[in-house]
Amino acid sequence: MTHRMLSRFLRARDGLAAIEFAFIAPLLITLFFGTVEVCNALICRQKVTTMAASAADLVAQDSTISGSQVNDVFSAINAIVYPYPTTGAQIIITSLVGDPLHAGKYVVDWSVAQNTTAHAKGASMNVPTGLLTVGGSVVLAEISYTYHSHTTEMVTGPITMSDLFYARPRKGAEVKYTP
């Protein structure tokens, strides 16, 4: 009798699909949430790049910019990152000019920042070769954003994304800042 019951048990296929699904379901769920999180992180990364390009472009469009206009630029840049929170967005907009004392060197003419510290006026900064012409200037926008994922926070922690963008002034040799 036990031999017959054992052979019937080995031939039975009832519930096999449920058992297979129980083994595969955790892997499928992990892959699904992983794909969603990777896509969200890539979208956020693209938004950081867009923020940098837009900030430099908005400032480079005028020959002068005031403190209230800079605040408007910050508001516009923060709107780009929606629906992600803007509290962690660090933005620095800087105007760089050629150093009159050292050929080929560049210094900060003015710098403004949100959620971080601006560069000091007169501080030396590196600029890619060939970007600045003699007597010209360039607007540099630097963005740093910390991406927080609610589903993978325990696994990876926050991810810091940053980008920078250079733009030449369009209506003159440089953009002047009036606080």
Protein backbone atom coordinates (compact mmCIF):
# COMPACT_ATOMS: atom_id res chain seq x y z
CA MET A 1 0.00 0.00 0.00
CA THR A 2 2.72 2.51 0.78
CA HIS A 3 4.42 1.74 -2.53
CA ARG A 4 1.18 2.52 -4.41
CA MET A 5 0.67 5.79 -2.49
CA LEU A 6 4.26 6.82 -3.12
CA SER A 7 4.01 6.19 -6.87
CA ARG A 8 0.68 8.11 -7.03
CA PHE A 9 2.30 11.00 -5.16
CA LEU A 10 5.24 11.12 -7.58
CA ARG A 11 2.91 11.12 -10.63
CA ALA A 12 0.61 13.87 -9.28
CA ARG A 13 0.90 17.31 -10.96
CA ASP A 14 -1.79 19.16 -8.98
CA GLY A 15 -0.45 22.48 -7.63
CA LEU A 16 2.82 22.33 -9.58
CA ALA A 17 2.24 25.72 -11.24
CA ALA A 18 1.50 27.33 -7.88
CA ILE A 19 4.73 26.00 -6.43
CA GLU A 20 6.76 27.16 -9.44
CA PHE A 21 5.15 30.59 -9.21
CA ALA A 22 5.96 30.77 -5.50
CA PHE A 23 9.64 30.23 -6.34
CA ILE A 24 9.71 32.73 -9.23
CA ALA A 25 7.42 35.49 -7.85
CA PRO A 26 10.03 37.14 -5.56
CA LEU A 27 12.49 37.37 -8.46
CA LEU A 28 9.86 38.83 -10.79
CA ILE A 29 8.74 41.39 -8.21
CA THR A 30 12.35 42.40 -7.55
CA LEU A 31 13.01 42.81 -11.27
CA PHE A 32 9.88 44.89 -11.70
CA PHE A 33 10.66 47.32 -8.87
CA GLY A 34 14.32 47.43 -9.90
CA THR A 35 13.36 48.42 -13.43
CA VAL A 36 11.00 51.12 -12.16
CA GLU A 37 13.67 52.54 -9.85
CA VAL A 38 16.38 52.53 -12.53
CA CYS A 39 14.00 54.38 -14.86
CA ASN A 40 13.16 56.94 -12.15
CA ALA A 41 16.86 57.50 -11.42
CA LEU A 42 17.62 57.96 -15.13
CA ILE A 43 14.76 60.43 -15.50
CA CYS A 44 16.06 62.37 -12.49
CA ARG A 45 19.58 62.35 -13.95
CA GLN A 46 18.27 63.81 -17.20
CA LYS A 47 16.43 66.49 -15.23
CA VAL A 48 19.69 67.45 -13.48
CA THR A 49 21.38 67.87 -16.87
CA THR A 50 18.45 69.95 -18.12
CA MET A 51 18.60 72.09 -14.98
CA ALA A 52 22.28 72.92 -15.59
CA ALA A 53 21.78 73.75 -19.26
CA SER A 54 18.69 75.85 -18.58
CA ALA A 55 20.27 77.82 -15.73
CA ALA A 56 23.30 78.82 -17.80
CA ASP A 57 21.15 79.56 -20.85
CA LEU A 58 18.65 81.74 -18.96
CA VAL A 59 21.41 83.87 -17.43
CA ALA A 60 23.43 84.14 -20.67
CA GLN A 61 20.46 85.65 -22.54
CA ASP A 62 20.84 89.12 -20.95
CA SER A 63 23.68 91.60 -20.65
CA THR A 64 22.74 92.33 -17.03
CA ILE A 65 20.85 90.34 -14.42
CA SER A 66 19.46 91.46 -11.08
CA GLY A 67 19.01 89.61 -7.82
CA SER A 68 15.26 89.26 -8.38
CA GLN A 69 15.87 87.88 -11.88
CA VAL A 70 18.27 85.33 -10.41
CA ASN A 71 15.56 84.29 -7.95
CA ASP A 72 13.22 83.83 -10.93
CA VAL A 73 15.89 81.66 -12.60
CA PHE A 74 16.16 79.56 -9.44
CA SER A 75 12.36 79.14 -9.39
CA ALA A 76 12.33 78.08 -13.04
CA ILE A 77 15.19 75.63 -12.50
CA ASN A 78 13.47 74.11 -9.47
CA ALA A 79 10.31 73.61 -11.55
CA ILE A 80 12.28 71.43 -13.98
CA VAL A 81 12.97 68.76 -11.35
CA TYR A 82 9.25 68.27 -10.62
CA PRO A 83 7.87 65.81 -9.41
CA TYR A 84 11.02 65.20 -7.38
CA PRO A 85 11.50 67.39 -4.27
CA THR A 86 13.60 70.52 -4.77
CA THR A 87 14.87 70.83 -1.20
CA GLY A 88 18.09 68.98 -2.05
CA ALA A 89 18.86 70.87 -5.26
CA GLN A 90 22.10 72.83 -4.93
CA ILE A 91 22.54 75.43 -7.68
CA ILE A 92 25.53 77.70 -8.29
CA ILE A 93 25.52 80.21 -11.16
CA THR A 94 28.87 81.89 -11.79
CA SER A 95 30.26 84.37 -14.29
CA LEU A 96 33.89 83.66 -15.17
CA VAL A 97 36.24 86.15 -16.82
CA GLY A 98 39.87 86.04 -17.87
CA ASP A 99 42.34 86.74 -15.07
CA PRO A 100 44.03 90.06 -15.91
CA LEU A 101 47.15 89.03 -13.98
CA HIS A 102 47.62 85.55 -15.48
CA ALA A 103 47.10 84.70 -19.14
CA GLY A 104 45.02 81.56 -19.66
CA LYS A 105 43.59 81.64 -16.12
CA TYR A 106 40.01 82.48 -15.20
CA VAL A 107 38.47 84.05 -12.12
CA VAL A 108 35.00 84.47 -10.67
CA ASP A 109 33.42 87.81 -11.58
CA TRP A 110 30.24 87.05 -9.60
CA SER A 111 28.53 83.98 -8.21
CA VAL A 112 25.11 83.26 -6.68
CA ALA A 113 23.88 80.06 -5.08
CA GLN A 114 20.84 78.27 -3.74
CA ASN A 115 21.13 75.71 -0.88
CA THR A 116 24.94 75.93 -0.97
CA THR A 117 27.77 78.46 -0.89
CA ALA A 118 28.59 80.60 -3.92
CA HIS A 119 32.15 80.84 -5.24
CA ALA A 120 34.19 83.74 -3.87
CA LYS A 121 34.69 86.73 -6.15
CA GLY A 122 38.17 86.58 -7.66
CA ALA A 123 38.62 82.86 -6.98
CA SER A 124 40.53 81.04 -9.70
CA MET A 125 38.63 78.36 -11.66
CA ASN A 126 39.47 75.98 -14.47
CA VAL A 127 37.71 76.34 -17.81
CA PRO A 128 37.94 73.88 -20.72
CA THR A 129 40.47 74.95 -23.32
CA GLY A 130 39.11 77.08 -26.16
CA LEU A 131 35.86 77.95 -24.42
CA LEU A 132 36.68 81.59 -23.67
CA THR A 133 37.85 84.16 -26.14
CA VAL A 134 40.20 87.00 -25.17
CA GLY A 135 38.23 89.63 -23.25
CA GLY A 136 35.16 87.40 -23.05
CA SER A 137 33.40 85.62 -20.27
CA VAL A 138 31.32 82.54 -19.71
CA VAL A 139 28.38 81.67 -17.44
CA LEU A 140 28.84 78.45 -15.50
CA ALA A 141 25.88 76.65 -13.93
CA GLU A 142 26.62 73.86 -11.46
CA ILE A 143 23.86 71.58 -10.19
CA SER A 144 24.05 68.95 -7.49
CA TYR A 145 20.96 66.92 -6.60
CA THR A 146 20.53 64.08 -4.12
CA TYR A 147 18.07 61.49 -5.40
CA HIS A 148 16.20 59.53 -2.74
CA SER A 149 14.44 56.33 -3.74
CA HIS A 150 11.77 55.17 -1.33
CA THR A 151 11.88 51.53 -2.40
CA THR A 152 15.67 51.08 -2.52
CA GLU A 153 16.69 53.52 0.23
CA MET A 154 17.85 50.66 2.47
CA VAL A 155 19.84 48.97 -0.28
CA THR A 156 21.65 51.78 -2.09
CA GLY A 157 20.99 54.88 -0.03
CA PRO A 158 20.70 58.33 -1.62
CA ILE A 159 22.40 58.93 -4.97
CA THR A 160 24.07 62.29 -5.62
CA MET A 161 23.85 63.49 -9.21
CA SER A 162 25.68 66.55 -10.49
CA ASP A 163 26.29 68.34 -13.74
CA LEU A 164 27.68 71.61 -15.02
CA PHE A 165 27.11 73.66 -18.13
CA TYR A 166 28.93 76.58 -19.72
CA ALA A 167 27.17 79.23 -21.84
CA ARG A 168 28.61 82.29 -23.56
CA PRO A 169 26.80 85.59 -23.05
CA ARG A 170 24.63 86.47 -26.05
CA LYS A 171 24.26 90.26 -25.75
CA GLY A 172 27.77 91.35 -24.92
CA ALA A 173 31.15 90.25 -23.70
CA GLU A 174 29.85 89.42 -20.23
CA VAL A 175 26.76 89.34 -18.04
CA LYS A 176 26.83 91.93 -15.27
CA TYR A 177 25.14 91.16 -11.94
CA THR A 178 23.37 93.77 -9.79
CA PRO A 179 22.24 92.40 -6.42
